[in-house]
Amino acid sequence: MSTGSYWLVLIIVGAGTVLMRSLPIVLHGRGSMPKLIGRLLRHVPAAALTALVVPSVLYSTSTGSHVFDPARCGAGVLALFVALRTRNVVATLAAGMGGLWILAALLG
């Protein structure tokens, strides 16, 4: 790839990135969103958080590969139970972390 082609591709990709990121901001408020899309988008934060949390709860990568970790799984279940019962973020974090430390010490 020549230097000119490289810079042309870089400028086109950069302009596309800026356009994709700025277009929703520019168009915000100019039209109404369909109700179906609005209902579907309400679930995106929960789905994203689940996708981040579940793999780290079920699997440990301390050995370099994904291995099921019963201590993490038990602490996750304990944190879920506390979250559902108390609806308190601090209590959930404290119970999950305390449960992880205790289970890691007991299970090795």
Foldseek 3Di string as FASTA:
>chain_A
DDPVVVVVVVVVVVVVVVCVVCVCVVCPPVDDDDPVVVVVVVCVVVVVVCVVPVQVQQFDCPVPDTDGDVQSVVLVVQLVVCCVVPVDPVSSVVSSVVSSVVSVVVVD
